[in-house]
Amino acid sequence: MTARRIATQAIPGQQAGTSGLRRKTRDFMAPHFLENYVQATLNGIGGAAGKRLVVGGDGRYFNPEAIQVILRMAAANGVAEVIVGRDGLLSTPAASHLIRLNKTDGGFILSASHNPGGIDADFGIKFNMANGGPASQTLADAIYDETQTIADYGMFDAHDIALHETGTRQLGDMTITVVDPVADYAALMAELFDFNAIAKLFAGGFGMCFDAMHAVTGPYAHKILEDMLGAPKGTVINGIPLPDFGKGHPDPNPIWAHELMGIMTGPDAPDFGAASDGDGDRNMIVGRGAYVTPSDSLALIAAHAHLAPGYAQGLSGVARSMPTSTAVDRVAAAKGMACFETPTGWKFFGTLLDAGKANLCGEESAGTGSDHVREKDGLWAVLMWLNIIAVSGKSVSALMQDHWQNYGRNYYSRHDYEAIDINVANRLVSDLKAKLDSLPGQSFAGLDVTEASDFSYRDPVDHSFVEGQGIQIKFAGDARVVLRLSGTGTEGATLRVYLEQLETDAARLNQTPEDALAAVKQAADEIAEITARTGRDAPDVKT
């Protein structure tokens, strides 16, 4: 077994989006594509010699092969130790926890999150830093610079390393430690939440359905919900991770988690339903006949987090991405907590978490988490809800009704227009930016514009600055529209349009979101000319 350098040349376009590099699976399988990016990352972190890393992924197609490549490259570049999940599996929050627990120098996470898997679907890779969080913008830029100048990469000539059993292996001078992917994460959850109260809930006949969507969270949910908390066998459905996610789309929303939604709206619906995504960092919360938007879920957790032992002292502060509804802001104001508004992307929460300025963060795209790791965490959010239900004795529906009565209801919806021609999408956004200054004072669909801006952000901790993070248009009467192009797709452009309307009239808290947001939706179309420019009279996905 020997290490050698293999000549290569730069491959255009290897620039990470909001959560690593995502492309079609066949792109990653092409000669040098994966190798170039891994070597660029190892170079970008200041070299790999003597470092310790974590490696794992969501089990999607090409994960096993990619992990073997990373192990051989790590050995050739002088890495001292790699900690890898058994069978190469690690949820994203579990990987973050292992990085922090073992004080490693970071780690590679192989996932395209909620994107479909398969040879003709999507693949992704990202590097998380020593704090367990996604690469900072500075590091992401350094990695991209390396991809543009790379001339060779290191590779160790060796057979595949067996990853089916825990224990240690050697690859040259590098130690490979294969660990149970669930054990350490499950132990952390037991520290944060009242497992006795939740177990009593299940023992009392509380019914639940957790849809793992044939993604990585299945083993975690089986262990924690069924084995540790005593939920009946069968509580977890679609719990075996599959390379193509059972030919499904592992995105926990009412559209793609249709099996769960059918169960929760049926005549024999259980008390509580939840789902997670491809790599386990997103969540969906559903009560019997009651869907909870991610923004409402974040706000309710902010109001009740003190019921969980790990948060009994209260929250230090909360943070949300700019497109996420302002429902959590109202809770923070009422409780005297700091509230931060950041760009989209979990990496922007990292400095706030590290500095102790916030210990609850969330994004409207079904991501919620805390300072226990430096990633959003789907199963954490589910366990928080179970803890709140167990201690309060209230149903999902009752909790939400109480919340709206206390804080008002932020009606909210996200409309995704997918696979738009990139030139059409860019022109729509650029033309909209050009007229932002002229919008205040104008009226659309009966709504008066009060503010219009392209969101920028200066980090209050490290003072880094980013701009161009999404267009925000506010109206009189606490309504707003946000428009931005997503950085997580792999084909064409995805235009995301976020609609929000606050309602505090107790008599109007149970409208349908469609009715409550009708004027905001019309105003968005009139201002951005979405229908006229894209030819789409409806979004592809609405949540």
Protein backbone atom coordinates (compact mmCIF):
# COMPACT_ATOMS: atom_id res chain seq x y z
CA MET A 1 0.00 0.00 0.00
CA THR A 2 1.47 3.31 -1.10
CA ALA A 3 0.47 6.95 -1.40
CA ARG A 4 0.84 8.78 -4.68
CA ARG A 5 -0.04 12.10 -6.30
CA ILE A 6 -2.37 12.04 -9.29
CA ALA A 7 -2.27 14.85 -11.84
CA THR A 8 -5.51 16.70 -12.45
CA GLN A 9 -6.78 20.04 -13.64
CA ALA A 10 -9.36 22.47 -12.35
CA ILE A 11 -13.02 21.68 -12.99
CA PRO A 12 -15.17 24.81 -13.42
CA GLY A 13 -18.09 25.53 -11.14
CA GLN A 14 -17.07 23.76 -7.94
CA GLN A 15 -18.42 26.56 -5.78
CA ALA A 16 -20.43 25.62 -2.71
CA GLY A 17 -23.94 26.93 -2.16
CA THR A 18 -25.62 27.60 1.17
CA SER A 19 -24.82 24.06 2.35
CA GLY A 20 -21.82 22.63 0.53
CA LEU A 21 -21.34 21.51 -3.05
CA ARG A 22 -24.40 19.89 -4.64
CA ARG A 23 -24.54 18.53 -8.14
CA LYS A 24 -26.03 15.62 -10.00
CA THR A 25 -24.74 12.25 -8.81
CA ARG A 26 -23.21 11.51 -12.22
CA ASP A 27 -21.16 14.72 -11.92
CA PHE A 28 -19.58 13.47 -8.70
CA MET A 29 -18.97 10.06 -10.30
CA ALA A 30 -17.07 11.64 -13.20
CA PRO A 31 -13.26 11.34 -13.20
CA HIS A 32 -11.52 13.69 -10.75
CA PHE A 33 -14.68 15.63 -9.75
CA LEU A 34 -14.99 14.31 -6.19
CA GLU A 35 -11.24 13.96 -5.76
CA ASN A 36 -10.60 17.56 -6.83
CA TYR A 37 -13.09 18.92 -4.33
CA VAL A 38 -11.86 16.78 -1.44
CA GLN A 39 -8.24 17.78 -2.09
CA ALA A 40 -9.24 21.43 -2.43
CA THR A 41 -10.96 21.16 0.93
CA LEU A 42 -7.95 19.56 2.59
CA ASN A 43 -5.77 22.29 1.13
CA GLY A 44 -8.26 24.99 2.13
CA ILE A 45 -8.24 23.99 5.81
CA GLY A 46 -4.49 24.49 5.90
CA GLY A 47 -3.44 20.97 5.02
CA ALA A 48 -4.45 17.64 6.51
CA ALA A 49 -1.24 16.38 8.14
CA GLY A 50 -1.84 15.26 11.71
CA LYS A 51 -5.49 16.26 11.70
CA ARG A 52 -8.43 14.22 12.96
CA LEU A 53 -11.66 14.19 10.98
CA VAL A 54 -15.19 12.78 11.04
CA VAL A 55 -16.70 11.28 7.87
CA GLY A 56 -20.23 10.06 7.23
CA GLY A 57 -23.32 10.58 5.14
CA ASP A 58 -27.01 9.96 4.62
CA GLY A 59 -26.62 6.67 2.75
CA ARG A 60 -27.74 7.98 -0.61
CA TYR A 61 -26.50 6.51 -3.89
CA PHE A 62 -22.69 6.77 -4.27
CA ASN A 63 -22.16 7.45 -0.54
CA PRO A 64 -20.23 4.21 0.13
CA GLU A 65 -17.92 4.71 -2.83
CA ALA A 66 -17.33 8.38 -2.02
CA ILE A 67 -16.44 7.58 1.59
CA GLN A 68 -13.82 5.07 0.45
CA VAL A 69 -12.29 7.74 -1.79
CA ILE A 70 -12.19 10.22 1.09
CA LEU A 71 -10.54 7.67 3.39
CA ARG A 72 -7.82 6.87 0.85
CA MET A 73 -7.22 10.57 0.17
CA ALA A 74 -7.13 11.38 3.88
CA ALA A 75 -4.47 8.72 4.41
CA ALA A 76 -2.42 10.01 1.49
CA ASN A 77 -2.57 13.55 2.87
CA GLY A 78 -1.33 12.58 6.32
CA VAL A 79 -4.55 12.61 8.35
CA ALA A 80 -3.95 10.99 11.74
CA GLU A 81 -7.45 9.62 12.40
CA VAL A 82 -10.84 9.44 10.74
CA ILE A 83 -13.96 8.67 12.79
CA VAL A 84 -16.62 7.20 10.51
CA GLY A 85 -20.14 5.98 11.19
CA ARG A 86 -20.79 2.26 10.80
CA ASP A 87 -21.73 1.52 7.17
CA GLY A 88 -20.76 5.11 6.44
CA LEU A 89 -23.97 6.42 7.99
CA LEU A 90 -24.17 9.61 10.04
CA SER A 91 -26.99 12.09 10.22
CA THR A 92 -25.80 15.65 9.82
CA PRO A 93 -26.54 16.62 13.46
CA ALA A 94 -24.91 13.39 14.69
CA ALA A 95 -21.80 14.19 12.64
CA SER A 96 -21.72 17.68 14.15
CA HIS A 97 -21.98 16.15 17.62
CA LEU A 98 -19.15 13.67 16.94
CA ILE A 99 -16.90 16.50 15.75
CA ARG A 100 -17.56 18.42 18.96
CA LEU A 101 -17.50 15.41 21.29
CA ASN A 102 -14.20 14.11 19.96
CA LYS A 103 -12.68 17.56 19.47
CA THR A 104 -11.68 16.76 15.89
CA ASP A 105 -10.54 19.30 13.32
CA GLY A 106 -13.79 19.03 11.37
CA GLY A 107 -15.40 16.53 9.09
CA PHE A 108 -16.86 15.65 5.70
CA ILE A 109 -20.63 15.15 5.49
CA LEU A 110 -21.92 13.49 2.34
CA SER A 111 -25.48 14.53 1.62
CA ALA A 112 -27.70 16.62 -0.60
CA SER A 113 -30.08 16.98 2.34
CA HIS A 114 -33.71 16.94 1.20
CA ASN A 115 -32.89 16.47 -2.49
CA PRO A 116 -33.75 13.12 -4.15
CA GLY A 117 -31.12 10.38 -4.34
CA GLY A 118 -30.08 7.98 -7.09
CA ILE A 119 -27.71 7.78 -10.03
CA ASP A 120 -29.82 10.29 -11.95
CA ALA A 121 -30.64 12.41 -8.90
CA ASP A 122 -28.52 14.52 -6.55
CA PHE A 123 -25.39 14.21 -4.44
CA GLY A 124 -23.54 16.59 -2.15
CA ILE A 125 -20.53 17.08 0.07
CA LYS A 126 -19.69 19.70 2.65
CA PHE A 127 -17.02 20.32 5.24
CA ASN A 128 -17.94 21.17 8.82
CA MET A 129 -15.42 22.96 10.99
CA ALA A 130 -14.03 22.13 14.43
CA ASN A 131 -17.02 23.74 16.15
CA GLY A 132 -19.25 21.23 14.31
CA GLY A 133 -20.78 23.88 12.08
CA PRO A 134 -20.77 24.34 8.30
CA ALA A 135 -17.76 25.97 6.71
CA SER A 136 -17.67 29.72 7.21
CA GLN A 137 -17.88 31.93 4.16
CA THR A 138 -14.16 32.60 4.49
CA LEU A 139 -13.35 28.88 4.44
CA ALA A 140 -15.83 28.22 1.63
CA ASP A 141 -14.10 30.92 -0.44
CA ALA A 142 -10.69 29.42 0.32
CA ILE A 143 -11.86 25.98 -0.80
CA TYR A 144 -13.30 27.42 -4.00
CA ASP A 145 -10.02 29.22 -4.71
CA GLU A 146 -8.21 25.89 -4.34
CA THR A 147 -10.58 24.22 -6.84
CA GLN A 148 -9.55 26.79 -9.43
CA THR A 149 -5.81 26.14 -9.14
CA ILE A 150 -5.59 22.46 -8.21
CA ALA A 151 -2.98 20.48 -10.14
CA ASP A 152 -2.87 17.13 -8.33
CA TYR A 153 -4.38 15.19 -5.44
CA GLY A 154 -3.18 12.55 -3.03
CA MET A 155 -4.48 8.98 -3.17
CA PHE A 156 -3.55 5.91 -1.14
CA ASP A 157 -3.56 2.66 -3.11
CA ALA A 158 -5.56 0.22 -1.01
CA HIS A 159 -8.59 -2.02 -0.98
CA ASP A 160 -11.86 -0.77 0.44
CA ILE A 161 -11.98 -0.53 4.22
CA ALA A 162 -14.64 -2.68 5.92
CA LEU A 163 -17.11 -0.37 7.67
CA HIS A 164 -19.80 -2.88 8.69
CA GLU A 165 -18.53 -3.38 12.25
CA THR A 166 -17.37 -0.93 14.91
CA GLY A 167 -13.71 -0.92 15.88
CA THR A 168 -10.40 0.42 14.60
CA ARG A 169 -8.63 -0.17 11.30
CA GLN A 170 -5.34 1.05 9.87
CA LEU A 171 -4.74 2.56 6.47
CA GLY A 172 -1.06 3.24 6.31
CA ASP A 173 -0.31 5.49 9.28
CA MET A 174 -3.93 6.62 9.59
CA THR A 175 -6.31 5.15 12.14
CA ILE A 176 -9.91 4.60 11.07
CA THR A 177 -12.33 4.39 14.00
CA VAL A 178 -15.73 2.97 13.05
CA VAL A 179 -18.41 3.99 15.57
CA ASP A 180 -22.07 3.28 16.21
CA PRO A 181 -23.69 6.24 14.39
CA VAL A 182 -26.56 6.49 16.89
CA ALA A 183 -25.15 5.85 20.38
CA ASP A 184 -23.47 9.17 21.19
CA TYR A 185 -26.28 11.20 19.67
CA ALA A 186 -28.93 9.26 21.60
CA ALA A 187 -27.04 9.83 24.85
CA LEU A 188 -27.01 13.58 24.17
CA MET A 189 -30.76 13.63 23.57
CA ALA A 190 -31.30 11.83 26.89
CA GLU A 191 -29.41 14.64 28.63
CA LEU A 192 -31.47 17.40 27.03
CA PHE A 193 -35.00 16.04 27.32
CA ASP A 194 -37.19 14.49 30.00
CA PHE A 195 -37.19 10.92 28.72
CA ASN A 196 -39.13 9.73 31.77
CA ALA A 197 -42.02 12.10 31.04
CA ILE A 198 -42.05 11.16 27.36
CA ALA A 199 -41.93 7.45 28.18
CA LYS A 200 -44.93 7.88 30.50
CA LEU A 201 -46.74 9.62 27.65
CA PHE A 202 -46.27 6.59 25.41
CA ALA A 203 -47.09 4.19 28.24
CA GLY A 204 -50.40 6.00 28.65
CA GLY A 205 -51.47 5.22 25.11
CA PHE A 206 -50.20 8.32 23.30
CA GLY A 207 -50.05 7.53 19.59
CA MET A 208 -47.36 8.72 17.20
CA CYS A 209 -46.20 8.19 13.63
CA PHE A 210 -42.67 9.15 12.61
CA ASP A 211 -41.88 9.02 8.89
CA ALA A 212 -38.15 8.59 8.34
CA MET A 213 -38.75 8.76 4.56
CA HIS A 214 -36.27 5.89 3.97
CA ALA A 215 -33.52 8.31 4.95
CA VAL A 216 -30.79 8.41 7.57
CA THR A 217 -32.99 9.26 10.57
CA GLY A 218 -34.59 5.80 10.56
CA PRO A 219 -31.99 4.09 12.79
CA TYR A 220 -31.98 7.07 15.17
CA ALA A 221 -35.78 7.12 15.45
CA HIS A 222 -36.02 3.35 15.98
CA LYS A 223 -33.43 3.51 18.76
CA ILE A 224 -34.68 6.59 20.57
CA LEU A 225 -38.45 6.52 20.04
CA GLU A 226 -39.14 2.79 20.09
CA ASP A 227 -36.27 1.28 22.10
CA MET A 228 -35.47 4.02 24.63
CA LEU A 229 -38.84 5.77 25.02
CA GLY A 230 -41.09 2.77 24.58
CA ALA A 231 -43.16 3.91 21.62
CA PRO A 232 -44.88 0.87 20.08
CA LYS A 233 -43.07 -0.96 17.30
CA GLY A 234 -44.34 0.42 14.04
CA THR A 235 -44.32 4.01 15.32
CA VAL A 236 -41.44 4.62 12.88
CA ILE A 237 -42.39 4.07 9.25
CA ASN A 238 -40.07 3.98 6.23
CA GLY A 239 -37.26 3.52 8.72
CA ILE A 240 -34.68 1.69 6.58
CA PRO A 241 -32.27 4.05 4.76
CA LEU A 242 -32.22 3.34 1.03
CA PRO A 243 -29.88 4.75 -1.66
CA ASP A 244 -32.80 6.23 -3.58
CA PHE A 245 -34.97 6.93 -0.51
CA GLY A 246 -37.48 4.40 -1.76
CA LYS A 247 -37.79 6.44 -4.96
CA GLY A 248 -39.24 9.23 -2.86
CA HIS A 249 -38.28 12.83 -2.23
CA PRO A 250 -36.94 13.03 1.35
CA ASP A 251 -38.25 16.53 2.05
CA PRO A 252 -40.47 16.72 5.16
CA ASN A 253 -43.36 18.83 3.96
CA PRO A 254 -47.03 18.07 3.29
CA ILE A 255 -46.35 17.49 -0.42
CA TRP A 256 -43.59 14.90 -0.18
CA ALA A 257 -44.49 13.37 3.19
CA HIS A 258 -47.93 12.54 1.79
CA GLU A 259 -48.06 9.12 3.44
CA LEU A 260 -47.70 10.70 6.88
CA MET A 261 -50.21 13.43 6.04
CA GLY A 262 -52.71 10.80 4.96
CA ILE A 263 -52.30 9.02 8.28
CA MET A 264 -52.59 12.23 10.32
CA THR A 265 -55.75 13.40 8.54
CA GLY A 266 -57.40 9.97 8.55
CA PRO A 267 -60.19 8.75 10.84
CA ASP A 268 -57.82 6.84 13.13
CA ALA A 269 -55.06 9.42 13.25
CA PRO A 270 -52.55 9.17 16.10
CA ASP A 271 -51.99 12.09 18.46
CA PHE A 272 -48.73 13.23 16.93
CA GLY A 273 -46.88 12.95 13.65
CA ALA A 274 -43.41 13.96 12.51
CA ALA A 275 -40.97 13.45 9.66
CA SER A 276 -37.34 14.14 8.89
CA ASP A 277 -35.35 14.52 5.70
CA GLY A 278 -32.48 12.87 3.83
CA ASP A 279 -29.69 13.72 6.28
CA GLY A 280 -31.80 14.18 9.41
CA ASP A 281 -31.47 17.92 9.92
CA ARG A 282 -35.01 18.98 8.99
CA ASN A 283 -38.35 18.22 10.55
CA MET A 284 -42.09 18.41 10.05
CA ILE A 285 -44.55 18.53 12.94
CA VAL A 286 -48.17 17.44 12.59
CA GLY A 287 -50.96 16.98 15.12
CA ARG A 288 -54.16 15.07 14.58
CA GLY A 289 -55.60 17.05 11.66
CA ALA A 290 -53.25 19.97 12.41
CA TYR A 291 -50.17 20.83 10.35
CA VAL A 292 -47.64 23.11 12.09
CA THR A 293 -45.60 25.41 9.86
CA PRO A 294 -41.86 25.44 10.59
CA SER A 295 -42.08 29.11 11.58
CA ASP A 296 -44.87 28.40 14.06
CA SER A 297 -42.94 25.42 15.39
CA LEU A 298 -39.92 27.62 16.07
CA ALA A 299 -42.08 30.19 17.86
CA LEU A 300 -43.85 27.61 20.00
CA ILE A 301 -40.55 26.00 21.00
CA ALA A 302 -39.24 29.44 21.98
CA ALA A 303 -42.28 29.88 24.23
CA HIS A 304 -42.02 26.45 25.89
CA ALA A 305 -38.36 25.34 25.74
CA HIS A 306 -38.02 25.80 29.50
CA LEU A 307 -40.13 22.66 29.97
CA ALA A 308 -37.18 20.54 28.78
CA PRO A 309 -34.41 19.89 31.37
CA GLY A 310 -31.65 21.05 29.05
CA TYR A 311 -33.31 24.47 28.75
CA ALA A 312 -34.82 24.85 32.22
CA GLN A 313 -32.82 28.05 32.79
CA GLY A 314 -34.47 29.68 29.79
CA LEU A 315 -33.10 30.70 26.42
CA SER A 316 -30.20 33.10 26.02
CA GLY A 317 -31.64 34.34 22.74
CA VAL A 318 -33.23 33.24 19.49
CA ALA A 319 -32.25 33.63 15.86
CA ARG A 320 -34.07 33.10 12.59
CA SER A 321 -33.24 33.42 8.93
CA MET A 322 -34.67 36.52 7.28
CA PRO A 323 -37.33 34.67 5.22
CA THR A 324 -38.61 32.86 8.33
CA SER A 325 -41.78 34.39 9.74
CA THR A 326 -41.55 36.93 12.53
CA ALA A 327 -43.65 34.78 14.87
CA VAL A 328 -40.59 33.98 16.99
CA ASP A 329 -39.78 37.70 17.22
CA ARG A 330 -43.06 38.25 19.05
CA VAL A 331 -42.24 35.53 21.58
CA ALA A 332 -38.74 36.94 22.11
CA ALA A 333 -40.11 40.45 22.65
CA ALA A 334 -42.66 39.21 25.17
CA LYS A 335 -40.04 37.25 27.10
CA GLY A 336 -37.31 39.91 26.90
CA MET A 337 -34.96 37.75 24.84
CA ALA A 338 -32.56 38.88 22.15
CA CYS A 339 -33.71 38.03 18.62
CA PHE A 340 -31.41 37.96 15.59
CA GLU A 341 -32.32 38.01 11.90
CA THR A 342 -29.69 36.37 9.67
CA PRO A 343 -29.29 35.35 6.03
CA THR A 344 -30.43 31.89 4.96
CA GLY A 345 -27.90 29.17 5.77
CA TRP A 346 -27.15 27.55 9.11
CA LYS A 347 -23.56 28.77 9.00
CA PHE A 348 -24.79 32.26 9.89
CA PHE A 349 -26.05 31.01 13.26
CA GLY A 350 -22.67 29.58 14.23
CA THR A 351 -21.07 32.68 15.68
CA LEU A 352 -24.22 33.50 17.67
CA LEU A 353 -24.29 29.99 19.14
CA ASP A 354 -20.57 29.95 19.90
CA ALA A 355 -20.81 33.35 21.62
CA GLY A 356 -23.82 32.32 23.71
CA LYS A 357 -25.98 35.04 22.21
CA ALA A 358 -28.60 32.51 21.07
CA ASN A 359 -29.40 28.91 21.87
CA LEU A 360 -32.46 28.43 19.67
CA CYS A 361 -32.29 28.92 15.92
CA GLY A 362 -34.62 28.15 13.06
CA GLU A 363 -35.32 28.47 9.36
CA GLU A 364 -38.63 28.33 7.53
CA SER A 365 -37.28 25.44 5.46
CA ALA A 366 -38.06 23.04 8.30
CA GLY A 367 -34.78 23.49 10.15
CA THR A 368 -34.73 23.99 13.92
CA GLY A 369 -31.93 23.47 16.40
CA SER A 370 -29.98 24.65 19.39
CA ASP A 371 -26.46 24.99 20.73
CA HIS A 372 -26.18 21.25 21.45
CA VAL A 373 -24.69 20.93 17.95
CA ARG A 374 -23.93 23.43 15.20
CA GLU A 375 -26.48 22.15 12.72
CA LYS A 376 -30.24 22.11 12.54
CA ASP A 377 -31.56 18.88 14.01
CA GLY A 378 -34.79 17.20 12.95
CA LEU A 379 -35.06 14.60 15.70
CA TRP A 380 -34.13 17.17 18.35
CA ALA A 381 -37.15 19.26 17.30
CA VAL A 382 -39.42 16.20 17.44
CA LEU A 383 -38.20 15.32 20.94
CA MET A 384 -38.68 18.93 22.06
CA TRP A 385 -42.30 18.78 20.91
CA LEU A 386 -42.82 15.45 22.69
CA ASN A 387 -41.32 16.95 25.86
CA ILE A 388 -43.63 19.97 25.65
CA ILE A 389 -46.68 17.78 25.07
CA ALA A 390 -45.73 15.41 27.91
CA VAL A 391 -45.25 18.18 30.48
CA SER A 392 -48.08 20.49 29.38
CA GLY A 393 -50.62 17.72 28.84
CA LYS A 394 -51.90 19.54 25.75
CA SER A 395 -52.37 18.36 22.17
CA VAL A 396 -50.63 19.90 19.18
CA SER A 397 -53.83 21.68 18.18
CA ALA A 398 -54.46 23.03 21.69
CA LEU A 399 -50.86 24.26 21.99
CA MET A 400 -51.12 26.16 18.72
CA GLN A 401 -54.50 27.68 19.56
CA ASP A 402 -53.15 28.90 22.90
CA HIS A 403 -50.05 30.27 21.20
CA TRP A 404 -52.04 32.28 18.64
CA GLN A 405 -54.30 33.66 21.34
CA ASN A 406 -51.25 34.85 23.28
CA TYR A 407 -49.01 36.11 20.49
CA GLY A 408 -51.18 36.47 17.39
CA ARG A 409 -50.94 34.32 14.29
CA ASN A 410 -48.41 34.88 11.56
CA TYR A 411 -50.10 33.37 8.51
CA TYR A 412 -47.24 32.18 6.35
CA SER A 413 -46.58 30.21 3.18
CA ARG A 414 -43.63 29.49 0.89
CA HIS A 415 -44.13 29.10 -2.84
CA ASP A 416 -41.34 27.38 -4.81
CA TYR A 417 -41.08 27.86 -8.57
CA GLU A 418 -38.59 25.17 -9.54
CA ALA A 419 -36.30 24.61 -12.55
CA ILE A 420 -36.85 28.09 -13.97
CA ASP A 421 -34.55 29.06 -16.81
CA ILE A 422 -31.56 30.61 -15.03
CA ASN A 423 -31.53 33.68 -17.27
CA VAL A 424 -35.23 34.33 -16.70
CA ALA A 425 -34.79 33.99 -12.94
CA ASN A 426 -31.76 36.26 -12.81
CA ARG A 427 -33.48 38.92 -14.90
CA LEU A 428 -36.58 38.81 -12.70
CA VAL A 429 -34.49 39.39 -9.60
CA SER A 430 -32.21 42.04 -11.11
CA ASP A 431 -35.16 44.03 -12.49
CA LEU A 432 -36.91 43.83 -9.13
CA LYS A 433 -33.81 45.10 -7.34
CA ALA A 434 -33.64 48.02 -9.75
CA LYS A 435 -37.07 49.29 -8.69
CA LEU A 436 -36.87 48.71 -4.94
CA ASP A 437 -36.32 52.39 -4.14
CA SER A 438 -39.49 53.35 -5.98
CA LEU A 439 -41.81 50.85 -4.28
CA PRO A 440 -42.44 52.50 -0.87
CA GLY A 441 -45.62 54.57 -1.09
CA GLN A 442 -47.09 52.47 -3.90
CA SER A 443 -50.10 50.19 -3.44
CA PHE A 444 -50.52 46.67 -4.80
CA ALA A 445 -53.61 44.49 -4.31
CA GLY A 446 -54.79 47.00 -1.75
CA LEU A 447 -51.58 46.79 0.30
CA ASP A 448 -49.36 49.84 0.84
CA VAL A 449 -45.60 49.26 0.58
CA THR A 450 -43.71 50.72 3.54
CA GLU A 451 -40.22 49.30 2.95
CA ALA A 452 -38.36 47.51 0.16
CA SER A 453 -34.75 46.35 0.42
CA ASP A 454 -32.16 43.78 -0.56
CA PHE A 455 -31.21 42.16 2.73
CA SER A 456 -27.65 42.53 4.01
CA TYR A 457 -26.16 41.34 7.28
CA ARG A 458 -23.26 42.25 9.51
CA ASP A 459 -22.46 39.53 12.02
CA PRO A 460 -22.60 41.01 15.54
CA VAL A 461 -19.80 38.69 16.70
CA ASP A 462 -17.14 38.56 14.00
CA HIS A 463 -18.42 41.62 12.09
CA SER A 464 -18.30 39.83 8.74
CA PHE A 465 -20.63 41.33 6.14
CA VAL A 466 -22.72 39.81 3.36
CA GLU A 467 -25.23 41.41 1.02
CA GLY A 468 -27.66 40.37 -1.67
CA GLN A 469 -29.37 37.87 0.64
CA GLY A 470 -32.95 38.24 -0.54
CA ILE A 471 -35.48 40.91 -1.39
CA GLN A 472 -37.82 41.93 1.41
CA ILE A 473 -40.94 44.03 0.80
CA LYS A 474 -43.01 45.14 3.79
CA PHE A 475 -46.57 46.43 3.76
CA ALA A 476 -48.69 48.40 6.18
CA GLY A 477 -50.65 46.07 8.45
CA ASP A 478 -47.73 43.75 9.28
CA ALA A 479 -47.57 41.93 5.96
CA ARG A 480 -44.50 41.18 3.87
CA VAL A 481 -43.13 39.34 0.86
CA VAL A 482 -39.63 37.88 0.55
CA LEU A 483 -38.16 36.70 -2.76
CA ARG A 484 -34.84 34.91 -3.22
CA LEU A 485 -33.15 32.39 -5.47
CA SER A 486 -32.35 29.16 -3.66
CA GLY A 487 -28.79 27.85 -3.35
CA THR A 488 -29.73 24.19 -2.78
CA GLY A 489 -30.98 23.09 -6.20
CA THR A 490 -28.99 21.31 -8.89
CA GLU A 491 -31.02 22.10 -12.01
CA GLY A 492 -32.09 25.51 -13.32
CA ALA A 493 -33.09 28.07 -10.72
CA THR A 494 -35.59 27.84 -7.89
CA LEU A 495 -37.41 31.04 -7.04
CA ARG A 496 -38.72 31.02 -3.50
CA VAL A 497 -41.51 33.44 -2.62
CA TYR A 498 -42.44 33.83 1.04
CA LEU A 499 -45.78 35.35 2.05
CA GLU A 500 -46.62 36.58 5.55
CA GLN A 501 -49.52 38.35 7.24
CA LEU A 502 -49.87 38.91 10.98
CA GLU A 503 -53.35 38.57 12.47
CA THR A 504 -54.12 39.54 16.10
CA ASP A 505 -57.92 39.63 15.92
CA ALA A 506 -59.06 36.62 17.97
CA ALA A 507 -62.02 36.16 15.65
CA ARG A 508 -59.73 35.73 12.63
CA LEU A 509 -57.18 33.23 13.92
CA ASN A 510 -58.61 30.21 12.13
CA GLN A 511 -58.77 31.35 8.51
CA THR A 512 -57.21 29.18 5.86
CA PRO A 513 -53.73 30.42 4.97
CA GLU A 514 -54.90 30.79 1.36
CA ASP A 515 -57.59 33.26 2.37
CA ALA A 516 -55.42 35.15 4.83
CA LEU A 517 -52.58 35.51 2.31
CA ALA A 518 -54.60 36.14 -0.85
CA ALA A 519 -53.82 39.86 -1.05
CA VAL A 520 -50.14 39.34 -0.20
CA LYS A 521 -49.85 36.69 -2.93
CA GLN A 522 -51.44 38.99 -5.50
CA ALA A 523 -49.20 41.89 -4.49
CA ALA A 524 -46.10 39.69 -4.87
CA ASP A 525 -47.12 38.70 -8.39
CA GLU A 526 -47.88 42.29 -9.38
CA ILE A 527 -44.58 43.60 -8.04
CA ALA A 528 -42.26 40.85 -9.31
CA GLU A 529 -44.28 39.91 -12.44
CA ILE A 530 -43.78 36.23 -11.60
CA THR A 531 -46.55 34.85 -13.80
CA ALA A 532 -45.71 37.06 -16.76
CA ARG A 533 -41.98 36.35 -16.67
CA THR A 534 -41.94 32.64 -15.81
CA GLY A 535 -45.14 31.52 -17.51
CA ARG A 536 -46.09 29.77 -14.28
CA ASP A 537 -49.56 30.46 -12.90
CA ALA A 538 -48.85 28.41 -9.75
CA PRO A 539 -45.81 27.26 -7.77
CA ASP A 540 -44.45 23.73 -8.10
CA VAL A 541 -44.43 23.28 -4.34
CA LYS A 542 -46.41 25.22 -1.75
CA THR A 543 -45.82 24.82 1.99
